[in-house]
Structure formats: C-alpha cells, structure tokens
Amino acid sequence: MDYTVNPDALRKAGTSAKSAGEQAGQVKLGPPAEDIAEAMPGGKSEGASKQVAQSWDKAIKSWSQAAAQHGESLNASADGYQQSDESSAADIDRAGAQTGR
C-alpha cells in the first residue's frame, strides 16, 4: 500500500481552514434574534429569541475556534511530513556516501 503526502497542499488547506474560521468568527447571528426580543417584550418570544441568540453566538465561536485549530493541525502535519522526508533523504544520502554510491 502506498500513499503520498503533499505538504504544500496540506499547508494550503490549513490556511483555508484557518481563514474560514476567522471569517466565521466575524459572523454575528445573535443581534437579529435579539431584535425579536426587543420587538416583543414580555412574551415567550423574548426569552426564546435571547436563548437562540446566545446559542448561535456560542456555536459560531466554537466552530470558528475548531476550524482555526484544524488549520493549525494541518500545518503541523505538513511540517512533520516535510521534516520526516528531509531527514529520510539525508539518511539515504549518508548511507549512499558510506557505500560509495
């Protein structure tokens, strides 16, 4: 079984994931739901809309952080693969030099 890893592609995906997380973190879904609470004070909609606003804000923050962490993990994986490849290449070069090849 063979597999190939492209560290540059991993880094590109990591950058995209981090960017998506940062952009998602800027989305503010809560305020429109809070407008409902202000428009309908005292009713069931007031409490429910506040809960929805808090839930959305929490979900967006969580997703944003997870996407950024995923991007960082992809970048770290790319670095690990590249370091391993470079180390293996150096080992092969040394072994070749020792055998005169």
C-alpha atoms as a PDB file:
ATOM      1  CA  MET A   1       0.000   0.000   0.000  1.00  0.00           C
ATOM      2  CA  ASP A   2       1.373   3.388  -0.982  1.00  0.00           C
ATOM      3  CA  TYR A   3       0.358   6.869  -0.126  1.00  0.00           C
ATOM      4  CA  THR A   4       1.758  10.252  -0.954  1.00  0.00           C
ATOM      5  CA  VAL A   5       1.514  13.404   1.099  1.00  0.00           C
ATOM      6  CA  ASN A   6       1.896  16.832  -0.411  1.00  0.00           C
ATOM      7  CA  PRO A   7       2.967  19.185   2.393  1.00  0.00           C
ATOM      8  CA  ASP A   8       2.244  22.266   0.288  1.00  0.00           C
ATOM      9  CA  ALA A   9      -1.316  21.068  -0.343  1.00  0.00           C
ATOM     10  CA  LEU A  10      -1.731  20.424   3.388  1.00  0.00           C
ATOM     11  CA  ARG A  11      -0.491  23.925   4.156  1.00  0.00           C
ATOM     12  CA  LYS A  12      -2.875  25.405   1.597  1.00  0.00           C
ATOM     13  CA  ALA A  13      -5.768  23.506   3.177  1.00  0.00           C
ATOM     14  CA  GLY A  14      -4.589  24.623   6.611  1.00  0.00           C
ATOM     15  CA  THR A  15      -4.538  28.246   5.530  1.00  0.00           C
ATOM     16  CA  SER A  16      -8.026  27.888   4.050  1.00  0.00           C
ATOM     17  CA  ALA A  17      -9.389  26.292   7.227  1.00  0.00           C
ATOM     18  CA  LYS A  18      -7.875  28.996   9.414  1.00  0.00           C
ATOM     19  CA  SER A  19      -9.257  31.705   7.131  1.00  0.00           C
ATOM     20  CA  ALA A  20     -12.714  30.122   7.178  1.00  0.00           C
ATOM     21  CA  GLY A  21     -12.591  30.005  10.956  1.00  0.00           C
ATOM     22  CA  GLU A  22     -11.533  33.631  11.208  1.00  0.00           C
ATOM     23  CA  GLN A  23     -14.244  34.710   8.790  1.00  0.00           C
ATOM     24  CA  ALA A  24     -16.897  32.670  10.568  1.00  0.00           C
ATOM     25  CA  GLY A  25     -15.851  34.268  13.842  1.00  0.00           C
ATOM     26  CA  GLN A  26     -16.875  37.625  12.398  1.00  0.00           C
ATOM     27  CA  VAL A  27     -20.435  36.485  11.682  1.00  0.00           C
ATOM     28  CA  LYS A  28     -22.898  37.902  14.176  1.00  0.00           C
ATOM     29  CA  LEU A  29     -26.096  35.863  14.131  1.00  0.00           C
ATOM     30  CA  GLY A  30     -27.230  36.843  17.612  1.00  0.00           C
ATOM     31  CA  PRO A  31     -28.224  40.509  17.099  1.00  0.00           C
ATOM     32  CA  PRO A  32     -31.073  39.818  14.649  1.00  0.00           C
ATOM     33  CA  ALA A  33     -32.559  37.313  17.088  1.00  0.00           C
ATOM     34  CA  GLU A  34     -32.147  39.823  19.905  1.00  0.00           C
ATOM     35  CA  ASP A  35     -34.160  42.291  17.816  1.00  0.00           C
ATOM     36  CA  ILE A  36     -37.100  39.925  18.212  1.00  0.00           C
ATOM     37  CA  ALA A  37     -36.777  40.140  21.986  1.00  0.00           C
ATOM     38  CA  GLU A  38     -36.770  43.924  21.822  1.00  0.00           C
ATOM     39  CA  ALA A  39     -39.733  43.995  19.453  1.00  0.00           C
ATOM     40  CA  MET A  40     -41.854  41.596  21.526  1.00  0.00           C
ATOM     41  CA  PRO A  41     -41.033  42.278  25.187  1.00  0.00           C
ATOM     42  CA  GLY A  42     -42.709  40.210  27.841  1.00  0.00           C
ATOM     43  CA  GLY A  43     -43.766  37.357  25.581  1.00  0.00           C
ATOM     44  CA  LYS A  44     -42.399  33.864  25.179  1.00  0.00           C
ATOM     45  CA  SER A  45     -40.622  35.040  22.061  1.00  0.00           C
ATOM     46  CA  GLU A  46     -38.483  37.407  24.122  1.00  0.00           C
ATOM     47  CA  GLY A  47     -36.893  34.661  26.203  1.00  0.00           C
ATOM     48  CA  ALA A  48     -36.678  32.213  23.324  1.00  0.00           C
ATOM     49  CA  SER A  49     -35.032  34.713  20.997  1.00  0.00           C
ATOM     50  CA  LYS A  50     -32.437  35.589  23.640  1.00  0.00           C
ATOM     51  CA  GLN A  51     -31.644  31.884  24.058  1.00  0.00           C
ATOM     52  CA  VAL A  52     -31.372  31.457  20.294  1.00  0.00           C
ATOM     53  CA  ALA A  53     -29.055  34.471  20.060  1.00  0.00           C
ATOM     54  CA  GLN A  54     -26.793  33.095  22.791  1.00  0.00           C
ATOM     55  CA  SER A  55     -26.829  29.628  21.268  1.00  0.00           C
ATOM     56  CA  TRP A  56     -25.914  30.921  17.814  1.00  0.00           C
ATOM     57  CA  ASP A  57     -23.123  33.094  19.173  1.00  0.00           C
ATOM     58  CA  LYS A  58     -21.722  30.172  21.150  1.00  0.00           C
ATOM     59  CA  ALA A  59     -21.960  27.801  18.153  1.00  0.00           C
ATOM     60  CA  ILE A  60     -20.254  30.262  15.800  1.00  0.00           C
ATOM     61  CA  LYS A  61     -17.455  30.871  18.304  1.00  0.00           C
ATOM     62  CA  SER A  62     -16.964  27.146  18.829  1.00  0.00           C
ATOM     63  CA  TRP A  63     -16.973  26.361  15.101  1.00  0.00           C
ATOM     64  CA  SER A  64     -14.613  29.253  14.402  1.00  0.00           C
ATOM     65  CA  GLN A  65     -12.137  28.023  17.001  1.00  0.00           C
ATOM     66  CA  ALA A  66     -12.394  24.428  15.780  1.00  0.00           C
ATOM     67  CA  ALA A  67     -11.768  25.448  12.163  1.00  0.00           C
ATOM     68  CA  ALA A  68      -8.737  27.510  13.168  1.00  0.00           C
ATOM     69  CA  GLN A  69      -7.384  24.599  15.243  1.00  0.00           C
ATOM     70  CA  HIS A  70      -7.940  22.218  12.328  1.00  0.00           C
ATOM     71  CA  GLY A  71      -5.965  24.573  10.099  1.00  0.00           C
ATOM     72  CA  GLU A  72      -3.140  24.669  12.620  1.00  0.00           C
ATOM     73  CA  SER A  73      -3.171  20.874  12.813  1.00  0.00           C
ATOM     74  CA  LEU A  74      -2.946  20.581   9.033  1.00  0.00           C
ATOM     75  CA  ASN A  75       0.019  22.939   9.019  1.00  0.00           C
ATOM     76  CA  ALA A  76       1.709  20.990  11.804  1.00  0.00           C
ATOM     77  CA  SER A  77       1.149  17.746   9.882  1.00  0.00           C
ATOM     78  CA  ALA A  78       2.664  19.283   6.760  1.00  0.00           C
ATOM     79  CA  ASP A  79       5.711  20.350   8.764  1.00  0.00           C
ATOM     80  CA  GLY A  80       6.039  16.873  10.257  1.00  0.00           C
ATOM     81  CA  TYR A  81       5.825  15.139   6.889  1.00  0.00           C
ATOM     82  CA  GLN A  82       8.331  17.519   5.341  1.00  0.00           C
ATOM     83  CA  GLN A  83      10.784  17.139   8.229  1.00  0.00           C
ATOM     84  CA  SER A  84      10.460  13.362   8.034  1.00  0.00           C
ATOM     85  CA  ASP A  85      11.055  13.384   4.272  1.00  0.00           C
ATOM     86  CA  GLU A  86      14.088  15.635   4.620  1.00  0.00           C
ATOM     87  CA  SER A  87      15.506  13.504   7.427  1.00  0.00           C
ATOM     88  CA  SER A  88      14.982  10.310   5.429  1.00  0.00           C
ATOM     89  CA  ALA A  89      16.603  11.850   2.352  1.00  0.00           C
ATOM     90  CA  ALA A  90      19.619  12.892   4.445  1.00  0.00           C
ATOM     91  CA  ASP A  91      19.861   9.361   5.874  1.00  0.00           C
ATOM     92  CA  ILE A  92      19.756   7.860   2.395  1.00  0.00           C
ATOM     93  CA  ASP A  93      22.443  10.305   1.200  1.00  0.00           C
ATOM     94  CA  ARG A  94      24.679   9.384   4.153  1.00  0.00           C
ATOM     95  CA  ALA A  95      24.165   5.672   3.551  1.00  0.00           C
ATOM     96  CA  GLY A  96      24.986   6.151  -0.129  1.00  0.00           C
ATOM     97  CA  ALA A  97      28.128   8.102   0.725  1.00  0.00           C
ATOM     98  CA  GLN A  98      29.268   5.388   3.106  1.00  0.00           C
ATOM     99  CA  THR A  99      28.855   2.687   0.475  1.00  0.00           C
ATOM    100  CA  GLY A 100      30.458   4.808  -2.219  1.00  0.00           C
ATOM    101  CA  ARG A 101      27.324   5.124  -4.310  1.00  0.00           C
END
